[in-house]
């Protein structure tokens, strides 16, 4: 027979000790840097005649061994979208797409945290803002959700497994990416796998080109290494299969 153990579950969300004024100002300074990145990206986009999906992809980080209130980073009314979440060296990293003009959403929340309190005397937005250690422009490493050993060397051209935000809910993202990827020098596969909120396709290019697409196209939600599947062998004719079998036999001790 099973009996439920009498355990007291602590549901309190733990955050580092923060000086509200200092921490709030530090995060606002980091957002100021993002505003400069947006302006820089817009200049490049205009020169390359890239129109659509304006905004910036941003990564929020926690302090080591503390959680990130990542579910509060997404805000559907402003189309602010949580793209991916991962943990590296005990630091949580959440990558978020912020449409142009909507970065003010986070400025307001940080300002309220630093200056306003709830009726109970608690800082407004306390759990979210105190869980954030850094706010910075997203990089390829931020969106990489595969083994780090699979990352190619700089300049090396490979096929990548790219997960685009949008899916069936927003087909415009896929169309926009396909139309503009070639401008950056990327080659895209003809087919895709479609999910409700994601499209998966193969993209050929270098680390530098994929990084450019993150900054300029704001379409990528997740990046992985391509995998060799059994289809490589099952689509061969018998003669090719026998050749592979003979090659394997010669290498087995």
C-alpha atoms as a PDB file:
ATOM      1  CA  UNK A   1       0.000   0.000   0.000  1.00  0.00           C
ATOM      2  CA  UNK A   2       1.118   3.525  -0.763  1.00  0.00           C
ATOM      3  CA  UNK A   3       0.661   6.458   1.555  1.00  0.00           C
ATOM      4  CA  UNK A   4       1.595   9.970   0.554  1.00  0.00           C
ATOM      5  CA  UNK A   5       4.511  11.282   2.658  1.00  0.00           C
ATOM      6  CA  UNK A   6       3.814  14.397   4.693  1.00  0.00           C
ATOM      7  CA  UNK A   7       6.177  16.828   3.047  1.00  0.00           C
ATOM      8  CA  UNK A   8       6.017  20.580   3.256  1.00  0.00           C
ATOM      9  CA  UNK A   9       6.562  21.938  -0.235  1.00  0.00           C
ATOM     10  CA  UNK A  10       8.160  25.382  -0.385  1.00  0.00           C
ATOM     11  CA  UNK A  11       6.635  27.122  -3.402  1.00  0.00           C
ATOM     12  CA  UNK A  12       8.455  30.429  -2.766  1.00  0.00           C
ATOM     13  CA  UNK A  13      10.345  31.649  -5.818  1.00  0.00           C
ATOM     14  CA  UNK A  14      13.896  32.399  -4.678  1.00  0.00           C
ATOM     15  CA  UNK A  15      15.858  35.322  -6.093  1.00  0.00           C
ATOM     16  CA  UNK A  16      19.281  36.817  -5.297  1.00  0.00           C
ATOM     17  CA  UNK A  17      19.472  39.662  -2.784  1.00  0.00           C
ATOM     18  CA  UNK A  18      19.175  42.875  -4.790  1.00  0.00           C
ATOM     19  CA  UNK A  19      19.487  46.590  -4.186  1.00  0.00           C
ATOM     20  CA  UNK A  20      16.293  47.651  -5.975  1.00  0.00           C
ATOM     21  CA  UNK A  21      17.507  51.034  -7.188  1.00  0.00           C
ATOM     22  CA  UNK A  22      20.929  49.825  -8.285  1.00  0.00           C
ATOM     23  CA  UNK A  23      19.652  46.622  -9.913  1.00  0.00           C
ATOM     24  CA  UNK A  24      16.856  48.441 -11.725  1.00  0.00           C
ATOM     25  CA  UNK A  25      19.247  51.058 -13.112  1.00  0.00           C
ATOM     26  CA  UNK A  26      21.720  48.367 -14.172  1.00  0.00           C
ATOM     27  CA  UNK A  27      19.047  46.576 -16.215  1.00  0.00           C
ATOM     28  CA  UNK A  28      17.829  49.852 -17.745  1.00  0.00           C
ATOM     29  CA  UNK A  29      21.401  50.613 -18.840  1.00  0.00           C
ATOM     30  CA  UNK A  30      21.554  47.201 -20.531  1.00  0.00           C
ATOM     31  CA  UNK A  31      18.296  47.949 -22.353  1.00  0.00           C
ATOM     32  CA  UNK A  32      19.782  51.255 -23.549  1.00  0.00           C
ATOM     33  CA  UNK A  33      22.529  49.217 -25.198  1.00  0.00           C
ATOM     34  CA  UNK A  34      19.866  47.102 -26.915  1.00  0.00           C
ATOM     35  CA  UNK A  35      18.254  50.256 -28.311  1.00  0.00           C
ATOM     36  CA  UNK A  36      21.588  51.107 -29.940  1.00  0.00           C
ATOM     37  CA  UNK A  37      21.745  47.568 -31.404  1.00  0.00           C
ATOM     38  CA  UNK A  38      18.246  47.995 -32.860  1.00  0.00           C
ATOM     39  CA  UNK A  39      19.241  51.259 -34.563  1.00  0.00           C
ATOM     40  CA  UNK A  40      22.410  49.651 -35.952  1.00  0.00           C
ATOM     41  CA  UNK A  41      20.472  46.642 -37.280  1.00  0.00           C
ATOM     42  CA  UNK A  42      17.863  48.899 -38.878  1.00  0.00           C
ATOM     43  CA  UNK A  43      20.567  50.791 -40.776  1.00  0.00           C
ATOM     44  CA  UNK A  44      21.926  47.516 -42.192  1.00  0.00           C
ATOM     45  CA  UNK A  45      18.409  46.222 -42.972  1.00  0.00           C
ATOM     46  CA  UNK A  46      17.597  49.404 -44.871  1.00  0.00           C
ATOM     47  CA  UNK A  47      20.814  49.142 -46.889  1.00  0.00           C
ATOM     48  CA  UNK A  48      20.026  45.492 -47.745  1.00  0.00           C
ATOM     49  CA  UNK A  49      16.349  46.339 -48.441  1.00  0.00           C
ATOM     50  CA  UNK A  50      15.052  43.921 -45.801  1.00  0.00           C
ATOM     51  CA  UNK A  51      11.511  44.849 -44.791  1.00  0.00           C
ATOM     52  CA  UNK A  52       9.387  43.087 -42.158  1.00  0.00           C
ATOM     53  CA  UNK A  53       9.808  41.332 -38.791  1.00  0.00           C
ATOM     54  CA  UNK A  54      11.284  44.480 -37.261  1.00  0.00           C
ATOM     55  CA  UNK A  55      12.525  44.196 -33.693  1.00  0.00           C
ATOM     56  CA  UNK A  56      15.318  42.431 -31.831  1.00  0.00           C
ATOM     57  CA  UNK A  57      16.020  38.962 -30.428  1.00  0.00           C
ATOM     58  CA  UNK A  58      17.194  39.209 -26.816  1.00  0.00           C
ATOM     59  CA  UNK A  59      18.590  36.812 -24.202  1.00  0.00           C
ATOM     60  CA  UNK A  60      17.757  37.139 -20.503  1.00  0.00           C
ATOM     61  CA  UNK A  61      20.114  35.417 -18.050  1.00  0.00           C
ATOM     62  CA  UNK A  62      19.798  34.416 -14.400  1.00  0.00           C
ATOM     63  CA  UNK A  63      22.492  34.390 -11.757  1.00  0.00           C
ATOM     64  CA  UNK A  64      24.249  31.012 -11.263  1.00  0.00           C
ATOM     65  CA  UNK A  65      22.128  28.503  -9.292  1.00  0.00           C
ATOM     66  CA  UNK A  66      19.037  30.726  -9.396  1.00  0.00           C
ATOM     67  CA  UNK A  67      15.992  30.192 -11.578  1.00  0.00           C
ATOM     68  CA  UNK A  68      14.686  32.627 -14.169  1.00  0.00           C
ATOM     69  CA  UNK A  69      11.028  33.671 -14.134  1.00  0.00           C
ATOM     70  CA  UNK A  70      10.963  32.889 -17.847  1.00  0.00           C
ATOM     71  CA  UNK A  71       7.189  32.428 -18.188  1.00  0.00           C
ATOM     72  CA  UNK A  72       6.734  36.113 -17.303  1.00  0.00           C
ATOM     73  CA  UNK A  73       8.988  37.240 -20.159  1.00  0.00           C
ATOM     74  CA  UNK A  74       6.389  36.420 -22.818  1.00  0.00           C
ATOM     75  CA  UNK A  75       3.625  38.975 -23.388  1.00  0.00           C
ATOM     76  CA  UNK A  76       1.163  38.022 -26.125  1.00  0.00           C
ATOM     77  CA  UNK A  77      -0.690  41.392 -26.362  1.00  0.00           C
ATOM     78  CA  UNK A  78       2.590  43.009 -27.519  1.00  0.00           C
ATOM     79  CA  UNK A  79       3.601  39.902 -29.538  1.00  0.00           C
ATOM     80  CA  UNK A  80       6.656  39.446 -27.295  1.00  0.00           C
ATOM     81  CA  UNK A  81       7.512  35.761 -27.753  1.00  0.00           C
ATOM     82  CA  UNK A  82       9.598  33.345 -25.684  1.00  0.00           C
ATOM     83  CA  UNK A  83      11.664  31.387 -28.223  1.00  0.00           C
ATOM     84  CA  UNK A  84      13.878  29.006 -26.253  1.00  0.00           C
ATOM     85  CA  UNK A  85      15.139  28.186 -22.786  1.00  0.00           C
ATOM     86  CA  UNK A  86      18.315  26.391 -21.733  1.00  0.00           C
ATOM     87  CA  UNK A  87      20.766  26.070 -18.833  1.00  0.00           C
ATOM     88  CA  UNK A  88      24.516  26.528 -19.221  1.00  0.00           C
ATOM     89  CA  UNK A  89      26.899  26.247 -16.236  1.00  0.00           C
ATOM     90  CA  UNK A  90      23.961  26.601 -13.806  1.00  0.00           C
ATOM     91  CA  UNK A  91      22.813  29.798 -15.533  1.00  0.00           C
ATOM     92  CA  UNK A  92      19.339  29.876 -17.118  1.00  0.00           C
ATOM     93  CA  UNK A  93      19.116  31.608 -20.495  1.00  0.00           C
ATOM     94  CA  UNK A  94      15.774  32.573 -22.071  1.00  0.00           C
ATOM     95  CA  UNK A  95      15.745  33.994 -25.586  1.00  0.00           C
ATOM     96  CA  UNK A  96      12.869  36.285 -26.512  1.00  0.00           C
ATOM     97  CA  UNK A  97      11.745  38.087 -29.672  1.00  0.00           C
ATOM     98  CA  UNK A  98      10.727  41.695 -29.003  1.00  0.00           C
ATOM     99  CA  UNK A  99       8.938  43.503 -31.871  1.00  0.00           C
ATOM    100  CA  UNK A 100      10.045  47.028 -32.699  1.00  0.00           C
ATOM    101  CA  UNK A 101       8.666  49.588 -30.261  1.00  0.00           C
ATOM    102  CA  UNK A 102       7.763  46.964 -27.636  1.00  0.00           C
ATOM    103  CA  UNK A 103      10.985  47.098 -25.623  1.00  0.00           C
ATOM    104  CA  UNK A 104       9.177  49.770 -23.608  1.00  0.00           C
ATOM    105  CA  UNK A 105       7.211  46.893 -22.019  1.00  0.00           C
ATOM    106  CA  UNK A 106      10.320  45.821 -20.103  1.00  0.00           C
ATOM    107  CA  UNK A 107      11.364  49.392 -19.320  1.00  0.00           C
ATOM    108  CA  UNK A 108       7.996  49.943 -17.612  1.00  0.00           C
ATOM    109  CA  UNK A 109       8.248  46.712 -15.616  1.00  0.00           C
ATOM    110  CA  UNK A 110      11.782  47.483 -14.436  1.00  0.00           C
ATOM    111  CA  UNK A 111      10.832  51.062 -13.524  1.00  0.00           C
ATOM    112  CA  UNK A 112       7.835  49.861 -11.507  1.00  0.00           C
ATOM    113  CA  UNK A 113      10.077  47.366  -9.705  1.00  0.00           C
ATOM    114  CA  UNK A 114      12.522  50.107  -8.707  1.00  0.00           C
ATOM    115  CA  UNK A 115       9.934  52.728  -7.728  1.00  0.00           C
ATOM    116  CA  UNK A 116       6.608  51.106  -6.822  1.00  0.00           C
ATOM    117  CA  UNK A 117       5.326  48.607  -4.265  1.00  0.00           C
ATOM    118  CA  UNK A 118       2.263  46.401  -3.910  1.00  0.00           C
ATOM    119  CA  UNK A 119      -0.221  46.864  -1.046  1.00  0.00           C
ATOM    120  CA  UNK A 120       1.735  44.255   0.906  1.00  0.00           C
ATOM    121  CA  UNK A 121       4.928  46.326   0.612  1.00  0.00           C
ATOM    122  CA  UNK A 122       6.578  44.064  -1.956  1.00  0.00           C
ATOM    123  CA  UNK A 123       8.339  45.582  -4.970  1.00  0.00           C
ATOM    124  CA  UNK A 124       6.219  45.306  -8.090  1.00  0.00           C
ATOM    125  CA  UNK A 125       7.407  42.653 -10.573  1.00  0.00           C
ATOM    126  CA  UNK A 126       9.879  41.506  -7.892  1.00  0.00           C
ATOM    127  CA  UNK A 127      10.206  37.837  -8.894  1.00  0.00           C
ATOM    128  CA  UNK A 128      10.694  38.582 -12.585  1.00  0.00           C
ATOM    129  CA  UNK A 129      13.096  41.507 -12.348  1.00  0.00           C
ATOM    130  CA  UNK A 130      15.210  40.115  -9.490  1.00  0.00           C
ATOM    131  CA  UNK A 131      15.580  36.804 -11.341  1.00  0.00           C
ATOM    132  CA  UNK A 132      17.215  38.648 -14.276  1.00  0.00           C
ATOM    133  CA  UNK A 133      20.961  39.177 -14.086  1.00  0.00           C
ATOM    134  CA  UNK A 134      21.718  40.211 -17.684  1.00  0.00           C
ATOM    135  CA  UNK A 135      19.831  41.399 -20.749  1.00  0.00           C
ATOM    136  CA  UNK A 136      21.766  41.207 -24.010  1.00  0.00           C
ATOM    137  CA  UNK A 137      21.386  40.777 -27.745  1.00  0.00           C
ATOM    138  CA  UNK A 138      20.904  37.115 -28.665  1.00  0.00           C
ATOM    139  CA  UNK A 139      23.718  35.225 -30.344  1.00  0.00           C
ATOM    140  CA  UNK A 140      23.881  31.931 -32.212  1.00  0.00           C
ATOM    141  CA  UNK A 141      25.060  30.298 -28.974  1.00  0.00           C
ATOM    142  CA  UNK A 142      21.908  31.586 -27.219  1.00  0.00           C
ATOM    143  CA  UNK A 143      19.652  29.747 -29.690  1.00  0.00           C
ATOM    144  CA  UNK A 144      21.848  26.638 -30.031  1.00  0.00           C
ATOM    145  CA  UNK A 145      20.092  23.719 -28.285  1.00  0.00           C
ATOM    146  CA  UNK A 146      22.376  20.891 -29.402  1.00  0.00           C
ATOM    147  CA  UNK A 147      25.721  19.528 -28.153  1.00  0.00           C
ATOM    148  CA  UNK A 148      28.347  22.300 -28.175  1.00  0.00           C
ATOM    149  CA  UNK A 149      30.847  19.885 -29.760  1.00  0.00           C
ATOM    150  CA  UNK A 150      28.707  19.892 -32.928  1.00  0.00           C
ATOM    151  CA  UNK A 151      29.237  23.604 -33.593  1.00  0.00           C
ATOM    152  CA  UNK A 152      31.369  24.101 -36.736  1.00  0.00           C
ATOM    153  CA  UNK A 153      34.498  26.211 -37.021  1.00  0.00           C
ATOM    154  CA  UNK A 154      34.171  29.868 -38.141  1.00  0.00           C
ATOM    155  CA  UNK A 155      33.851  30.096 -41.917  1.00  0.00           C
ATOM    156  CA  UNK A 156      32.889  26.424 -42.315  1.00  0.00           C
ATOM    157  CA  UNK A 157      29.800  25.946 -44.532  1.00  0.00           C
ATOM    158  CA  UNK A 158      27.370  23.312 -43.221  1.00  0.00           C
ATOM    159  CA  UNK A 159      23.672  22.465 -43.211  1.00  0.00           C
ATOM    160  CA  UNK A 160      21.837  23.607 -40.051  1.00  0.00           C
ATOM    161  CA  UNK A 161      18.502  22.478 -38.629  1.00  0.00           C
ATOM    162  CA  UNK A 162      16.641  25.755 -38.157  1.00  0.00           C
ATOM    163  CA  UNK A 163      13.427  26.130 -36.158  1.00  0.00           C
ATOM    164  CA  UNK A 164      11.561  29.254 -37.205  1.00  0.00           C
ATOM    165  CA  UNK A 165       8.950  30.907 -35.035  1.00  0.00           C
ATOM    166  CA  UNK A 166       5.534  31.276 -36.610  1.00  0.00           C
ATOM    167  CA  UNK A 167       4.374  27.884 -37.883  1.00  0.00           C
ATOM    168  CA  UNK A 168       0.710  27.536 -38.766  1.00  0.00           C
ATOM    169  CA  UNK A 169      -0.127  30.429 -36.440  1.00  0.00           C
ATOM    170  CA  UNK A 170       1.944  32.899 -38.480  1.00  0.00           C
ATOM    171  CA  UNK A 171       2.995  31.699 -41.920  1.00  0.00           C
ATOM    172  CA  UNK A 172       4.391  35.137 -42.763  1.00  0.00           C
ATOM    173  CA  UNK A 173       7.564  34.412 -40.762  1.00  0.00           C
ATOM    174  CA  UNK A 174       8.489  31.437 -42.957  1.00  0.00           C
ATOM    175  CA  UNK A 175       7.812  33.359 -46.183  1.00  0.00           C
ATOM    176  CA  UNK A 176       9.827  36.331 -44.929  1.00  0.00           C
ATOM    177  CA  UNK A 177      12.798  34.149 -43.953  1.00  0.00           C
ATOM    178  CA  UNK A 178      12.861  32.278 -47.288  1.00  0.00           C
ATOM    179  CA  UNK A 179      12.668  35.537 -49.255  1.00  0.00           C
ATOM    180  CA  UNK A 180      15.486  37.219 -47.333  1.00  0.00           C
ATOM    181  CA  UNK A 181      17.833  34.344 -46.422  1.00  0.00           C
ATOM    182  CA  UNK A 182      19.430  34.492 -49.873  1.00  0.00           C
ATOM    183  CA  UNK A 183      20.262  38.170 -49.299  1.00  0.00           C
ATOM    184  CA  UNK A 184      22.510  37.074 -46.432  1.00  0.00           C
ATOM    185  CA  UNK A 185      24.027  34.269 -48.529  1.00  0.00           C
ATOM    186  CA  UNK A 186      22.088  31.364 -47.023  1.00  0.00           C
ATOM    187  CA  UNK A 187      20.722  28.409 -48.992  1.00  0.00           C
ATOM    188  CA  UNK A 188      17.416  26.903 -47.834  1.00  0.00           C
ATOM    189  CA  UNK A 189      16.009  23.414 -48.361  1.00  0.00           C
ATOM    190  CA  UNK A 190      12.869  23.120 -50.524  1.00  0.00           C
ATOM    191  CA  UNK A 191      10.765  21.385 -47.868  1.00  0.00           C
ATOM    192  CA  UNK A 192       9.839  21.983 -44.225  1.00  0.00           C
ATOM    193  CA  UNK A 193       8.175  20.335 -41.255  1.00  0.00           C
ATOM    194  CA  UNK A 194       5.306  22.462 -39.994  1.00  0.00           C
ATOM    195  CA  UNK A 195       4.078  22.625 -36.390  1.00  0.00           C
ATOM    196  CA  UNK A 196       1.493  24.884 -34.794  1.00  0.00           C
ATOM    197  CA  UNK A 197       4.008  27.563 -33.808  1.00  0.00           C
ATOM    198  CA  UNK A 198       7.254  26.415 -35.484  1.00  0.00           C
ATOM    199  CA  UNK A 199       8.564  25.607 -38.963  1.00  0.00           C
ATOM    200  CA  UNK A 200      11.626  23.347 -39.261  1.00  0.00           C
ATOM    201  CA  UNK A 201      13.877  23.442 -42.319  1.00  0.00           C
ATOM    202  CA  UNK A 202      17.496  22.935 -43.340  1.00  0.00           C
ATOM    203  CA  UNK A 203      19.645  25.979 -44.025  1.00  0.00           C
ATOM    204  CA  UNK A 204      23.156  25.957 -45.518  1.00  0.00           C
ATOM    205  CA  UNK A 205      25.674  28.589 -44.439  1.00  0.00           C
ATOM    206  CA  UNK A 206      28.418  29.570 -42.009  1.00  0.00           C
ATOM    207  CA  UNK A 207      28.255  30.580 -38.351  1.00  0.00           C
ATOM    208  CA  UNK A 208      28.723  34.185 -39.443  1.00  0.00           C
ATOM    209  CA  UNK A 209      25.805  34.054 -41.896  1.00  0.00           C
ATOM    210  CA  UNK A 210      23.466  32.368 -39.393  1.00  0.00           C
ATOM    211  CA  UNK A 211      24.447  35.021 -36.825  1.00  0.00           C
ATOM    212  CA  UNK A 212      23.607  37.746 -39.346  1.00  0.00           C
ATOM    213  CA  UNK A 213      20.183  36.173 -39.908  1.00  0.00           C
ATOM    214  CA  UNK A 214      19.505  36.233 -36.151  1.00  0.00           C
ATOM    215  CA  UNK A 215      20.297  39.962 -36.005  1.00  0.00           C
ATOM    216  CA  UNK A 216      18.612  41.021 -39.242  1.00  0.00           C
ATOM    217  CA  UNK A 217      15.701  38.633 -39.831  1.00  0.00           C
ATOM    218  CA  UNK A 218      14.444  37.988 -36.272  1.00  0.00           C
ATOM    219  CA  UNK A 219      12.896  34.696 -37.370  1.00  0.00           C
ATOM    220  CA  UNK A 220      14.908  31.918 -35.707  1.00  0.00           C
ATOM    221  CA  UNK A 221      13.624  30.319 -32.508  1.00  0.00           C
ATOM    222  CA  UNK A 222      16.102  27.457 -32.189  1.00  0.00           C
ATOM    223  CA  UNK A 223      19.192  26.056 -33.947  1.00  0.00           C
ATOM    224  CA  UNK A 224      20.399  22.450 -34.029  1.00  0.00           C
ATOM    225  CA  UNK A 225      22.837  20.277 -35.923  1.00  0.00           C
ATOM    226  CA  UNK A 226      21.452  18.235 -38.817  1.00  0.00           C
ATOM    227  CA  UNK A 227      21.294  14.481 -38.236  1.00  0.00           C
ATOM    228  CA  UNK A 228      21.913  11.616 -40.652  1.00  0.00           C
ATOM    229  CA  UNK A 229      18.807   9.409 -40.610  1.00  0.00           C
ATOM    230  CA  UNK A 230      18.201   5.866 -41.872  1.00  0.00           C
ATOM    231  CA  UNK A 231      16.662   7.369 -45.025  1.00  0.00           C
ATOM    232  CA  UNK A 232      20.215   7.867 -46.340  1.00  0.00           C
ATOM    233  CA  UNK A 233      20.505   4.064 -46.609  1.00  0.00           C
ATOM    234  CA  UNK A 234      16.903   3.032 -47.265  1.00  0.00           C
ATOM    235  CA  UNK A 235      16.676   5.179 -50.410  1.00  0.00           C
ATOM    236  CA  UNK A 236      19.738   3.525 -51.977  1.00  0.00           C
ATOM    237  CA  UNK A 237      19.369   0.862 -54.608  1.00  0.00           C
ATOM    238  CA  UNK A 238      20.544  -2.678 -53.737  1.00  0.00           C
ATOM    239  CA  UNK A 239      23.899  -2.318 -55.463  1.00  0.00           C
ATOM    240  CA  UNK A 240      24.801   0.744 -53.341  1.00  0.00           C
ATOM    241  CA  UNK A 241      23.627  -1.000 -50.186  1.00  0.00           C
ATOM    242  CA  UNK A 242      25.869  -4.007 -50.937  1.00  0.00           C
ATOM    243  CA  UNK A 243      28.829  -1.681 -51.483  1.00  0.00           C
ATOM    244  CA  UNK A 244      28.266  -0.078 -48.080  1.00  0.00           C
ATOM    245  CA  UNK A 245      27.921  -3.513 -46.464  1.00  0.00           C
ATOM    246  CA  UNK A 246      31.188  -4.704 -48.032  1.00  0.00           C
ATOM    247  CA  UNK A 247      32.929  -1.529 -46.883  1.00  0.00           C
ATOM    248  CA  UNK A 248      31.688  -2.079 -43.332  1.00  0.00           C
ATOM    249  CA  UNK A 249      32.794  -5.768 -43.360  1.00  0.00           C
ATOM    250  CA  UNK A 250      36.307  -4.717 -44.330  1.00  0.00           C
ATOM    251  CA  UNK A 251      36.465  -2.334 -41.351  1.00  0.00           C
ATOM    252  CA  UNK A 252      35.193  -4.736 -38.699  1.00  0.00           C
ATOM    253  CA  UNK A 253      37.725  -6.614 -36.582  1.00  0.00           C
END
